[in-house]
Amino acid sequence: MKRIYEFVCESGQRIERFTSYEDKIIQCNCGKLASRVISAPASKLEGWSGHFPTAHAQFEKRHTD
């Protein structure tokens, strides 16, 4: 199964590629080798639960009339 992975090449350029899990090293667009790195996931804390008071206040303000 192929997924999108992030790679950093020898010159420091970050790229994303749609590739298989087994590919740990690929060739970058610049021609150098790029190693796969762990990327930070994108996340957003919503305020509906009440566990984050400032986010909860913003949620209430947006969703009440």
N, C-alpha and C. Protein backbone atom coordinates (compact mmCIF):
# COMPACT_ATOMS: atom_id res chain seq x y z
N MET A 1 0.83 -1.18 0.00
CA MET A 1 0.00 0.00 0.00
C MET A 1 0.88 1.25 0.00
N LYS A 2 0.57 2.18 -0.87
CA LYS A 2 1.36 3.40 -0.96
C LYS A 2 0.70 4.52 -0.16
N ARG A 3 1.54 5.36 0.44
CA ARG A 3 1.11 6.52 1.21
C ARG A 3 2.07 7.68 0.97
N ILE A 4 1.72 8.84 1.47
CA ILE A 4 2.59 10.00 1.33
C ILE A 4 3.56 10.02 2.51
N TYR A 5 4.85 10.10 2.21
CA TYR A 5 5.89 10.18 3.23
C TYR A 5 6.74 11.42 2.97
N GLU A 6 7.33 11.94 4.05
CA GLU A 6 8.20 13.11 3.94
C GLU A 6 9.65 12.64 3.96
N PHE A 7 10.46 13.27 3.11
CA PHE A 7 11.88 12.95 3.00
C PHE A 7 12.69 14.23 3.10
N VAL A 8 13.94 14.09 3.58
CA VAL A 8 14.89 15.21 3.61
C VAL A 8 16.13 14.76 2.87
N CYS A 9 16.52 15.55 1.86
CA CYS A 9 17.69 15.16 1.06
C CYS A 9 18.98 15.66 1.72
N GLU A 10 20.09 15.24 1.16
CA GLU A 10 21.41 15.58 1.70
C GLU A 10 21.67 17.08 1.74
N SER A 11 21.00 17.84 0.88
CA SER A 11 21.18 19.29 0.87
C SER A 11 20.17 20.00 1.78
N GLY A 12 19.32 19.24 2.50
CA GLY A 12 18.37 19.82 3.45
C GLY A 12 16.99 20.12 2.89
N GLN A 13 16.76 19.82 1.65
CA GLN A 13 15.47 20.07 1.02
C GLN A 13 14.45 19.04 1.50
N ARG A 14 13.25 19.51 1.89
CA ARG A 14 12.17 18.62 2.33
C ARG A 14 11.22 18.38 1.16
N ILE A 15 10.89 17.11 0.94
CA ILE A 15 9.98 16.76 -0.14
C ILE A 15 9.00 15.70 0.37
N GLU A 16 7.86 15.59 -0.28
CA GLU A 16 6.89 14.55 0.01
C GLU A 16 6.73 13.68 -1.23
N ARG A 17 6.62 12.38 -1.01
CA ARG A 17 6.44 11.44 -2.12
C ARG A 17 5.39 10.42 -1.78
N PHE A 18 4.64 10.03 -2.78
CA PHE A 18 3.67 8.95 -2.68
C PHE A 18 4.44 7.68 -2.98
N THR A 19 4.74 6.90 -1.95
CA THR A 19 5.60 5.74 -2.11
C THR A 19 5.23 4.64 -1.11
N SER A 20 5.84 3.50 -1.23
CA SER A 20 5.53 2.39 -0.33
C SER A 20 6.32 2.51 0.97
N TYR A 21 5.87 1.78 1.97
CA TYR A 21 6.48 1.81 3.30
C TYR A 21 7.95 1.36 3.27
N GLU A 22 8.28 0.46 2.39
CA GLU A 22 9.63 -0.09 2.33
C GLU A 22 10.68 0.90 1.85
N ASP A 23 10.26 1.96 1.15
CA ASP A 23 11.21 2.94 0.61
C ASP A 23 11.67 3.88 1.72
N LYS A 24 12.88 3.65 2.24
CA LYS A 24 13.45 4.48 3.31
C LYS A 24 14.33 5.58 2.72
N ILE A 25 14.92 5.33 1.57
CA ILE A 25 15.80 6.29 0.89
C ILE A 25 15.36 6.37 -0.58
N ILE A 26 15.21 7.60 -1.06
CA ILE A 26 14.82 7.81 -2.45
C ILE A 26 15.74 8.86 -3.06
N GLN A 27 15.62 9.07 -4.35
CA GLN A 27 16.39 10.11 -5.02
C GLN A 27 15.55 11.39 -5.06
N CYS A 28 16.15 12.48 -4.60
CA CYS A 28 15.48 13.78 -4.56
C CYS A 28 15.42 14.38 -5.97
N ASN A 29 14.63 15.43 -6.12
CA ASN A 29 14.54 16.13 -7.41
C ASN A 29 15.88 16.73 -7.82
N CYS A 30 16.72 17.07 -6.84
CA CYS A 30 18.03 17.66 -7.14
C CYS A 30 19.08 16.61 -7.51
N GLY A 31 18.72 15.32 -7.36
CA GLY A 31 19.63 14.24 -7.74
C GLY A 31 20.34 13.60 -6.55
N LYS A 32 20.26 14.21 -5.37
CA LYS A 32 20.90 13.64 -4.18
C LYS A 32 19.96 12.66 -3.50
N LEU A 33 20.49 11.91 -2.54
CA LEU A 33 19.69 10.94 -1.82
C LEU A 33 18.89 11.63 -0.71
N ALA A 34 17.67 11.15 -0.48
CA ALA A 34 16.80 11.70 0.55
C ALA A 34 16.34 10.57 1.46
N SER A 35 16.40 10.81 2.77
CA SER A 35 15.98 9.83 3.76
C SER A 35 14.61 10.18 4.31
N ARG A 36 13.83 9.16 4.60
CA ARG A 36 12.49 9.38 5.14
C ARG A 36 12.60 9.86 6.59
N VAL A 37 11.76 10.82 6.95
CA VAL A 37 11.74 11.36 8.31
C VAL A 37 10.32 11.24 8.87
N ILE A 38 10.23 11.33 10.18
CA ILE A 38 8.92 11.32 10.84
C ILE A 38 8.39 12.74 10.83
N SER A 39 7.20 12.91 10.31
CA SER A 39 6.57 14.23 10.23
C SER A 39 5.63 14.44 11.41
N ALA A 40 5.49 15.68 11.81
CA ALA A 40 4.52 16.01 12.86
C ALA A 40 3.12 15.96 12.26
N PRO A 41 2.19 15.33 12.94
CA PRO A 41 0.83 15.28 12.42
C PRO A 41 0.14 16.63 12.53
N ALA A 42 -0.76 16.89 11.62
CA ALA A 42 -1.56 18.11 11.68
C ALA A 42 -2.74 17.84 12.60
N SER A 43 -2.94 18.72 13.57
CA SER A 43 -4.06 18.53 14.48
C SER A 43 -4.60 19.88 14.92
N LYS A 44 -5.83 19.87 15.34
CA LYS A 44 -6.47 21.09 15.82
C LYS A 44 -7.32 20.72 17.02
N LEU A 45 -7.13 21.43 18.12
CA LEU A 45 -7.91 21.16 19.32
C LEU A 45 -9.23 21.92 19.23
N GLU A 46 -10.30 21.19 19.32
CA GLU A 46 -11.63 21.80 19.29
C GLU A 46 -12.09 22.07 20.71
N GLY A 47 -12.97 23.00 20.87
CA GLY A 47 -13.40 23.40 22.19
C GLY A 47 -14.68 22.76 22.68
N TRP A 48 -15.26 21.83 21.96
CA TRP A 48 -16.55 21.26 22.35
C TRP A 48 -16.49 20.44 23.63
N SER A 49 -15.32 19.88 23.97
CA SER A 49 -15.25 19.01 25.14
C SER A 49 -15.16 19.78 26.44
N GLY A 50 -14.67 21.02 26.41
CA GLY A 50 -14.51 21.80 27.63
C GLY A 50 -13.17 21.61 28.29
N HIS A 51 -12.31 20.74 27.77
CA HIS A 51 -11.00 20.50 28.38
C HIS A 51 -10.01 21.63 28.08
N PHE A 52 -10.29 22.44 27.10
CA PHE A 52 -9.41 23.55 26.73
C PHE A 52 -10.24 24.84 26.86
N PRO A 53 -10.15 25.52 28.01
CA PRO A 53 -11.06 26.63 28.30
C PRO A 53 -11.10 27.73 27.24
N THR A 54 -9.97 28.16 26.71
CA THR A 54 -10.02 29.24 25.71
C THR A 54 -10.64 28.76 24.42
N ALA A 55 -10.35 27.54 24.02
CA ALA A 55 -10.95 26.98 22.81
C ALA A 55 -12.44 26.77 23.03
N HIS A 56 -12.82 26.35 24.23
CA HIS A 56 -14.22 26.12 24.53
C HIS A 56 -15.01 27.44 24.45
N ALA A 57 -14.43 28.51 24.96
CA ALA A 57 -15.10 29.82 24.89
C ALA A 57 -15.29 30.26 23.44
N GLN A 58 -14.29 30.05 22.63
CA GLN A 58 -14.40 30.41 21.20
C GLN A 58 -15.45 29.54 20.51
N PHE A 59 -15.50 28.25 20.86
CA PHE A 59 -16.50 27.35 20.28
C PHE A 59 -17.90 27.80 20.65
N GLU A 60 -18.11 28.10 21.91
CA GLU A 60 -19.42 28.57 22.37
C GLU A 60 -19.83 29.86 21.66
N LYS A 61 -18.91 30.77 21.50
CA LYS A 61 -19.19 32.05 20.86
C LYS A 61 -19.63 31.85 19.39
N ARG A 62 -18.96 30.92 18.70
CA ARG A 62 -19.28 30.67 17.29
C ARG A 62 -20.57 29.89 17.09
N HIS A 63 -20.93 29.05 18.06
CA HIS A 63 -22.04 28.13 17.85
C HIS A 63 -23.31 28.45 18.64
N THR A 64 -23.36 29.60 19.26
CA THR A 64 -24.57 30.03 19.93
C THR A 64 -25.04 31.35 19.36
N ASP A 65 -26.33 31.50 19.29
CA ASP A 65 -26.90 32.75 18.76
C ASP A 65 -27.76 33.41 19.79
